[in-house]
C-alpha atoms as a PDB file:
ATOM      1  CA  MET A   1     106.592 167.566 143.590  1.00  0.00           C
ATOM      2  CA  PHE A   2     107.933 164.004 143.600  1.00  0.00           C
ATOM      3  CA  THR A   3     110.489 161.853 145.394  1.00  0.00           C
ATOM      4  CA  GLY A   4     112.028 159.802 142.595  1.00  0.00           C
ATOM      5  CA  ILE A   5     110.643 156.573 144.063  1.00  0.00           C
ATOM      6  CA  ILE A   6     108.833 154.826 141.203  1.00  0.00           C
ATOM      7  CA  GLN A   7     105.397 153.437 142.134  1.00  0.00           C
ATOM      8  CA  ASP A   8     104.630 151.498 138.968  1.00  0.00           C
ATOM      9  CA  VAL A   9     105.908 150.684 135.494  1.00  0.00           C
ATOM     10  CA  GLY A  10     103.200 151.414 132.935  1.00  0.00           C
ATOM     11  CA  THR A  11     102.879 150.811 129.211  1.00  0.00           C
ATOM     12  CA  VAL A  12     102.122 153.225 126.367  1.00  0.00           C
ATOM     13  CA  ALA A  13      98.730 152.035 125.146  1.00  0.00           C
ATOM     14  CA  LYS A  14      97.872 154.705 122.557  1.00  0.00           C
ATOM     15  CA  ILE A  15      99.436 157.794 120.960  1.00  0.00           C
ATOM     16  CA  ASN A  16      97.518 160.499 119.122  1.00  0.00           C
ATOM     17  CA  ARG A  17      99.900 163.109 117.702  1.00  0.00           C
ATOM     18  CA  THR A  18      98.858 166.414 116.111  1.00  0.00           C
ATOM     19  CA  ALA A  19     100.864 169.405 114.921  1.00  0.00           C
ATOM     20  CA  ALA A  20     100.302 171.191 118.240  1.00  0.00           C
ATOM     21  CA  HIS A  21     100.536 168.411 120.831  1.00  0.00           C
ATOM     22  CA  ALA A  22     100.328 164.691 121.541  1.00  0.00           C
ATOM     23  CA  ASP A  23      97.801 162.783 123.644  1.00  0.00           C
ATOM     24  CA  LEU A  24      99.330 159.705 125.263  1.00  0.00           C
ATOM     25  CA  THR A  25      97.328 156.988 126.987  1.00  0.00           C
ATOM     26  CA  PHE A  26      99.112 154.772 129.508  1.00  0.00           C
ATOM     27  CA  GLU A  27      98.004 151.413 130.847  1.00  0.00           C
ATOM     28  CA  THR A  28      98.590 151.121 134.598  1.00  0.00           C
ATOM     29  CA  SER A  29      96.693 150.412 137.802  1.00  0.00           C
ATOM     30  CA  LEU A  30      98.251 153.454 139.512  1.00  0.00           C
ATOM     31  CA  PRO A  31      95.320 155.917 139.172  1.00  0.00           C
ATOM     32  CA  ALA A  32      92.965 153.419 140.798  1.00  0.00           C
ATOM     33  CA  THR A  33      95.301 152.505 143.659  1.00  0.00           C
ATOM     34  CA  CYS A  34      96.177 156.164 144.316  1.00  0.00           C
ATOM     35  CA  HIS A  35      92.584 157.431 143.865  1.00  0.00           C
ATOM     36  CA  SER A  36      93.763 159.812 141.153  1.00  0.00           C
ATOM     37  CA  LYS A  37      91.401 162.167 139.336  1.00  0.00           C
ATOM     38  CA  VAL A  38      91.489 164.393 136.278  1.00  0.00           C
ATOM     39  CA  GLY A  39      93.799 167.334 136.997  1.00  0.00           C
ATOM     40  CA  ASP A  40      96.169 165.374 139.228  1.00  0.00           C
ATOM     41  CA  SER A  41      99.890 165.298 138.460  1.00  0.00           C
ATOM     42  CA  LEU A  42     101.928 162.219 137.621  1.00  0.00           C
ATOM     43  CA  ALA A  43     105.597 161.936 136.706  1.00  0.00           C
ATOM     44  CA  ILE A  44     106.146 159.911 133.538  1.00  0.00           C
ATOM     45  CA  ASN A  45     109.817 159.037 133.083  1.00  0.00           C
ATOM     46  CA  GLY A  46     110.497 161.987 135.355  1.00  0.00           C
ATOM     47  CA  VAL A  47     108.300 164.509 133.521  1.00  0.00           C
ATOM     48  CA  CYS A  48     105.471 166.111 135.502  1.00  0.00           C
ATOM     49  CA  LEU A  49     102.239 165.862 133.487  1.00  0.00           C
ATOM     50  CA  THR A  50      98.551 166.351 134.202  1.00  0.00           C
ATOM     51  CA  ILE A  51      95.924 163.625 133.917  1.00  0.00           C
ATOM     52  CA  THR A  52      93.428 164.814 131.297  1.00  0.00           C
ATOM     53  CA  GLN A  53      91.271 161.691 131.222  1.00  0.00           C
ATOM     54  CA  LEU A  54      90.869 158.516 133.236  1.00  0.00           C
ATOM     55  CA  VAL A  55      90.327 155.324 131.240  1.00  0.00           C
ATOM     56  CA  PRO A  56      89.369 151.842 132.510  1.00  0.00           C
ATOM     57  CA  LYS A  57      92.979 150.605 132.644  1.00  0.00           C
ATOM     58  CA  GLY A  58      94.940 153.837 133.083  1.00  0.00           C
ATOM     59  CA  PHE A  59      94.942 157.483 132.086  1.00  0.00           C
ATOM     60  CA  THR A  60      95.577 159.957 129.259  1.00  0.00           C
ATOM     61  CA  THR A  61      97.793 163.031 129.352  1.00  0.00           C
ATOM     62  CA  THR A  62      98.763 165.752 126.875  1.00  0.00           C
ATOM     63  CA  ILE A  63     102.355 166.544 125.924  1.00  0.00           C
ATOM     64  CA  MET A  64     103.176 169.949 124.485  1.00  0.00           C
ATOM     65  CA  PRO A  65     105.989 170.602 121.927  1.00  0.00           C
ATOM     66  CA  GLU A  66     108.381 172.052 124.554  1.00  0.00           C
ATOM     67  CA  THR A  67     108.081 168.857 126.606  1.00  0.00           C
ATOM     68  CA  SER A  68     108.771 166.729 123.531  1.00  0.00           C
ATOM     69  CA  ARG A  69     111.859 168.778 122.692  1.00  0.00           C
ATOM     70  CA  ARG A  70     113.344 168.773 126.188  1.00  0.00           C
ATOM     71  CA  SER A  71     112.618 165.152 127.114  1.00  0.00           C
ATOM     72  CA  THR A  72     112.407 161.675 125.616  1.00  0.00           C
ATOM     73  CA  LEU A  73     108.604 161.589 125.732  1.00  0.00           C
ATOM     74  CA  GLY A  74     108.363 162.679 122.109  1.00  0.00           C
ATOM     75  CA  ASP A  75     110.158 159.466 121.118  1.00  0.00           C
ATOM     76  CA  LEU A  76     107.778 157.104 122.916  1.00  0.00           C
ATOM     77  CA  ALA A  77     106.126 154.375 120.882  1.00  0.00           C
ATOM     78  CA  THR A  78     103.125 152.157 121.597  1.00  0.00           C
ATOM     79  CA  GLY A  79     104.072 149.244 123.830  1.00  0.00           C
ATOM     80  CA  GLU A  80     107.029 150.969 125.511  1.00  0.00           C
ATOM     81  CA  ARG A  81     107.348 150.814 129.279  1.00  0.00           C
ATOM     82  CA  VAL A  82     107.543 153.963 131.410  1.00  0.00           C
ATOM     83  CA  ASN A  83     108.320 154.828 135.028  1.00  0.00           C
ATOM     84  CA  LEU A  84     105.353 156.293 136.909  1.00  0.00           C
ATOM     85  CA  GLU A  85     105.111 158.205 140.192  1.00  0.00           C
ATOM     86  CA  PRO A  86     102.140 160.154 141.581  1.00  0.00           C
ATOM     87  CA  ALA A  87     102.717 163.593 143.075  1.00  0.00           C
ATOM     88  CA  LEU A  88     103.905 163.710 146.681  1.00  0.00           C
ATOM     89  CA  GLY A  89     101.170 164.179 149.287  1.00  0.00           C
ATOM     90  CA  VAL A  90     101.681 166.525 152.239  1.00  0.00           C
ATOM     91  CA  THR A  91     101.839 163.648 154.720  1.00  0.00           C
ATOM     92  CA  ASP A  92     103.773 161.237 152.481  1.00  0.00           C
ATOM     93  CA  ARG A  93     107.150 159.875 153.489  1.00  0.00           C
ATOM     94  CA  LEU A  94     110.132 161.292 151.568  1.00  0.00           C
ATOM     95  CA  ASP A  95     112.371 158.336 150.723  1.00  0.00           C
ATOM     96  CA  GLY A  96     114.278 159.716 147.712  1.00  0.00           C
ATOM     97  CA  HIS A  97     114.961 163.433 147.164  1.00  0.00           C
ATOM     98  CA  PHE A  98     112.888 166.403 146.043  1.00  0.00           C
ATOM     99  CA  VAL A  99     112.164 165.945 142.333  1.00  0.00           C
ATOM    100  CA  LEU A 100     110.189 168.660 140.558  1.00  0.00           C
ATOM    101  CA  GLY A 101     109.413 166.778 137.362  1.00  0.00           C
ATOM    102  CA  HIS A 102     110.992 169.594 135.339  1.00  0.00           C
ATOM    103  CA  VAL A 103     113.510 167.774 133.162  1.00  0.00           C
ATOM    104  CA  ASP A 104     116.665 169.790 132.461  1.00  0.00           C
ATOM    105  CA  THR A 105     117.849 167.843 129.439  1.00  0.00           C
ATOM    106  CA  THR A 106     118.491 164.323 128.193  1.00  0.00           C
ATOM    107  CA  THR A 107     121.652 162.265 128.492  1.00  0.00           C
ATOM    108  CA  ARG A 108     122.920 159.097 126.820  1.00  0.00           C
ATOM    109  CA  LEU A 109     124.132 155.901 128.403  1.00  0.00           C
ATOM    110  CA  LEU A 110     127.829 155.398 127.668  1.00  0.00           C
ATOM    111  CA  LYS A 111     128.393 152.030 129.305  1.00  0.00           C
ATOM    112  CA  ARG A 112     126.839 149.442 131.577  1.00  0.00           C
ATOM    113  CA  GLU A 113     128.987 147.426 133.998  1.00  0.00           C
ATOM    114  CA  THR A 114     128.342 144.866 136.730  1.00  0.00           C
ATOM    115  CA  ASP A 115     129.769 145.398 140.216  1.00  0.00           C
ATOM    116  CA  GLU A 116     128.900 142.283 142.265  1.00  0.00           C
ATOM    117  CA  ASN A 117     125.131 142.539 142.784  1.00  0.00           C
ATOM    118  CA  ALA A 118     124.874 146.092 141.437  1.00  0.00           C
ATOM    119  CA  VAL A 119     124.828 147.540 137.932  1.00  0.00           C
ATOM    120  CA  VAL A 120     126.844 150.702 137.280  1.00  0.00           C
ATOM    121  CA  LEU A 121     125.516 152.982 134.548  1.00  0.00           C
ATOM    122  CA  THR A 122     127.723 155.736 133.133  1.00  0.00           C
ATOM    123  CA  PHE A 123     126.123 158.654 131.267  1.00  0.00           C
ATOM    124  CA  THR A 124     127.323 161.696 129.377  1.00  0.00           C
ATOM    125  CA  LEU A 125     127.432 164.865 131.487  1.00  0.00           C
ATOM    126  CA  PRO A 126     125.775 167.683 129.524  1.00  0.00           C
ATOM    127  CA  ALA A 127     127.731 170.940 129.644  1.00  0.00           C
ATOM    128  CA  GLN A 128     124.820 172.917 131.094  1.00  0.00           C
ATOM    129  CA  CYS A 129     124.605 170.535 134.074  1.00  0.00           C
ATOM    130  CA  GLN A 130     128.284 170.293 134.989  1.00  0.00           C
ATOM    131  CA  ASN A 131     127.977 172.560 138.036  1.00  0.00           C
ATOM    132  CA  GLU A 132     124.830 170.817 139.283  1.00  0.00           C
ATOM    133  CA  VAL A 133     125.956 167.178 139.235  1.00  0.00           C
ATOM    134  CA  VAL A 134     128.338 166.391 142.089  1.00  0.00           C
ATOM    135  CA  PHE A 135     129.905 163.297 143.635  1.00  0.00           C
ATOM    136  CA  LYS A 136     127.457 161.736 146.140  1.00  0.00           C
ATOM    137  CA  GLY A 137     124.799 164.227 145.074  1.00  0.00           C
ATOM    138  CA  SER A 138     121.325 163.321 143.814  1.00  0.00           C
ATOM    139  CA  VAL A 139     120.019 163.136 140.255  1.00  0.00           C
ATOM    140  CA  ALA A 140     116.776 161.865 138.751  1.00  0.00           C
ATOM    141  CA  LEU A 141     117.150 159.661 135.669  1.00  0.00           C
ATOM    142  CA  ASP A 142     113.839 158.876 133.949  1.00  0.00           C
ATOM    143  CA  GLY A 143     112.316 159.922 137.261  1.00  0.00           C
ATOM    144  CA  VAL A 144     114.388 157.569 139.444  1.00  0.00           C
ATOM    145  CA  SER A 145     116.176 159.128 142.434  1.00  0.00           C
ATOM    146  CA  LEU A 146     119.819 158.047 142.320  1.00  0.00           C
ATOM    147  CA  THR A 147     123.138 158.991 143.927  1.00  0.00           C
ATOM    148  CA  VAL A 148     126.123 159.962 141.787  1.00  0.00           C
ATOM    149  CA  SER A 149     128.808 157.359 142.499  1.00  0.00           C
ATOM    150  CA  ALA A 150     131.527 158.766 140.211  1.00  0.00           C
ATOM    151  CA  ILE A 151     132.054 161.837 138.057  1.00  0.00           C
ATOM    152  CA  THR A 152     134.513 163.081 135.430  1.00  0.00           C
ATOM    153  CA  ALA A 153     134.665 166.214 133.298  1.00  0.00           C
ATOM    154  CA  ASP A 154     132.224 164.777 130.764  1.00  0.00           C
ATOM    155  CA  SER A 155     130.479 161.817 132.424  1.00  0.00           C
ATOM    156  CA  PHE A 156     128.894 160.599 135.638  1.00  0.00           C
ATOM    157  CA  SER A 157     127.949 157.195 137.030  1.00  0.00           C
ATOM    158  CA  VAL A 158     125.206 155.788 139.246  1.00  0.00           C
ATOM    159  CA  SER A 159     124.913 152.380 140.882  1.00  0.00           C
ATOM    160  CA  LEU A 160     121.640 150.463 140.748  1.00  0.00           C
ATOM    161  CA  ILE A 161     120.748 147.876 143.366  1.00  0.00           C
ATOM    162  CA  PRO A 162     118.670 144.824 142.357  1.00  0.00           C
ATOM    163  CA  HIS A 163     115.449 146.373 143.732  1.00  0.00           C
ATOM    164  CA  THR A 164     115.816 149.428 141.481  1.00  0.00           C
ATOM    165  CA  LEU A 165     116.500 147.191 138.508  1.00  0.00           C
ATOM    166  CA  ASP A 166     113.374 145.139 139.265  1.00  0.00           C
ATOM    167  CA  GLN A 167     111.054 148.103 139.859  1.00  0.00           C
ATOM    168  CA  THR A 168     112.030 150.539 137.060  1.00  0.00           C
ATOM    169  CA  ILE A 169     112.737 150.619 133.343  1.00  0.00           C
ATOM    170  CA  LEU A 170     116.421 151.452 133.919  1.00  0.00           C
ATOM    171  CA  ALA A 171     117.129 147.722 133.729  1.00  0.00           C
ATOM    172  CA  ASP A 172     116.225 147.910 130.012  1.00  0.00           C
ATOM    173  CA  LEU A 173     118.868 150.526 129.150  1.00  0.00           C
ATOM    174  CA  ARG A 174     121.595 149.779 126.658  1.00  0.00           C
ATOM    175  CA  PRO A 175     124.519 151.966 125.502  1.00  0.00           C
ATOM    176  CA  HIS A 176     123.435 155.009 123.436  1.00  0.00           C
ATOM    177  CA  ASP A 177     119.898 154.963 124.897  1.00  0.00           C
ATOM    178  CA  ARG A 178     118.620 158.391 126.015  1.00  0.00           C
ATOM    179  CA  VAL A 179     117.099 159.154 129.411  1.00  0.00           C
ATOM    180  CA  ASN A 180     115.629 162.256 131.027  1.00  0.00           C
ATOM    181  CA  LEU A 181     117.917 164.064 133.475  1.00  0.00           C
ATOM    182  CA  GLU A 182     116.863 166.359 136.296  1.00  0.00           C
ATOM    183  CA  THR A 183     119.596 167.664 138.569  1.00  0.00           C
ATOM    184  CA  ASP A 184     119.093 168.288 142.282  1.00  0.00           C
ATOM    185  CA  ILE A 185     117.160 171.483 143.049  1.00  0.00           C
ATOM    186  CA  LEU A 186     119.699 172.322 145.799  1.00  0.00           C
ATOM    187  CA  GLY A 187     122.478 172.220 143.215  1.00  0.00           C
ATOM    188  CA  LYS A 188     120.526 174.599 140.991  1.00  0.00           C
ATOM    189  CA  TYR A 189     120.076 177.160 143.784  1.00  0.00           C
ATOM    190  CA  LEU A 190     123.717 176.914 144.894  1.00  0.00           C
ATOM    191  CA  ASN A 191     124.883 177.329 141.310  1.00  0.00           C
ATOM    192  CA  GLN A 192     122.686 180.394 140.861  1.00  0.00           C
ATOM    193  CA  LEU A 193     123.870 181.823 144.188  1.00  0.00           C
ATOM    194  CA  GLU A 194     127.508 181.427 143.158  1.00  0.00           C
ATOM    195  CA  GLY A 195     126.749 183.156 139.869  1.00  0.00           C
ATOM    196  CA  THR A 196     125.109 186.058 141.699  1.00  0.00           C
ATOM    197  CA  LYS A 197     128.114 186.414 143.996  1.00  0.00           C
ATOM    198  CA  HIS A 198     130.482 186.625 141.027  1.00  0.00           C
ATOM    199  CA  GLU A 199     128.311 189.286 139.392  1.00  0.00           C
ATOM    200  CA  HIS A 200     128.541 191.506 142.489  1.00  0.00           C
ATOM    201  CA  ASN A 201     132.297 191.046 143.005  1.00  0.00           C
END
């Protein structure tokens, strides 16, 4: 489990793709500073993955076909930057919201606007997530915990403060870029509960 508070921005150092999977090596100091070991979980652009090997300047992980299809990780290229967050420890402080690292789908940036010192990003709202994205609710975009600041029938917006822009790759986004979307786990349970109620009525 994660919080959506990014701990480091890493770089794709090496990609080894096969027909069955892809091994990705990332350059970052995070494993050393967090005392990570093989088998530990890290969120990469919001996707929970397992460290399969530690290397001098980072770590390697394996991405299966389902992960590539459901997220943007299959599109990564050498040299690209990624958001990184280690799994939440039992005694760690929860500053964002509960993020599972199970990406629901991807969404595209529609527009980018400036609002004084903030940047407002507006994304498409995928049909399957319409009941789970709510005004003032939480979403994780490329692993970053954010609050929905506006919503329409087919889009939603989030506002990024300067700190978030400085500490994540969301500052690099341009219209039509894809990001990973994970809706709030509370929204998922409430949506399922409502569906169950309707089935029994």
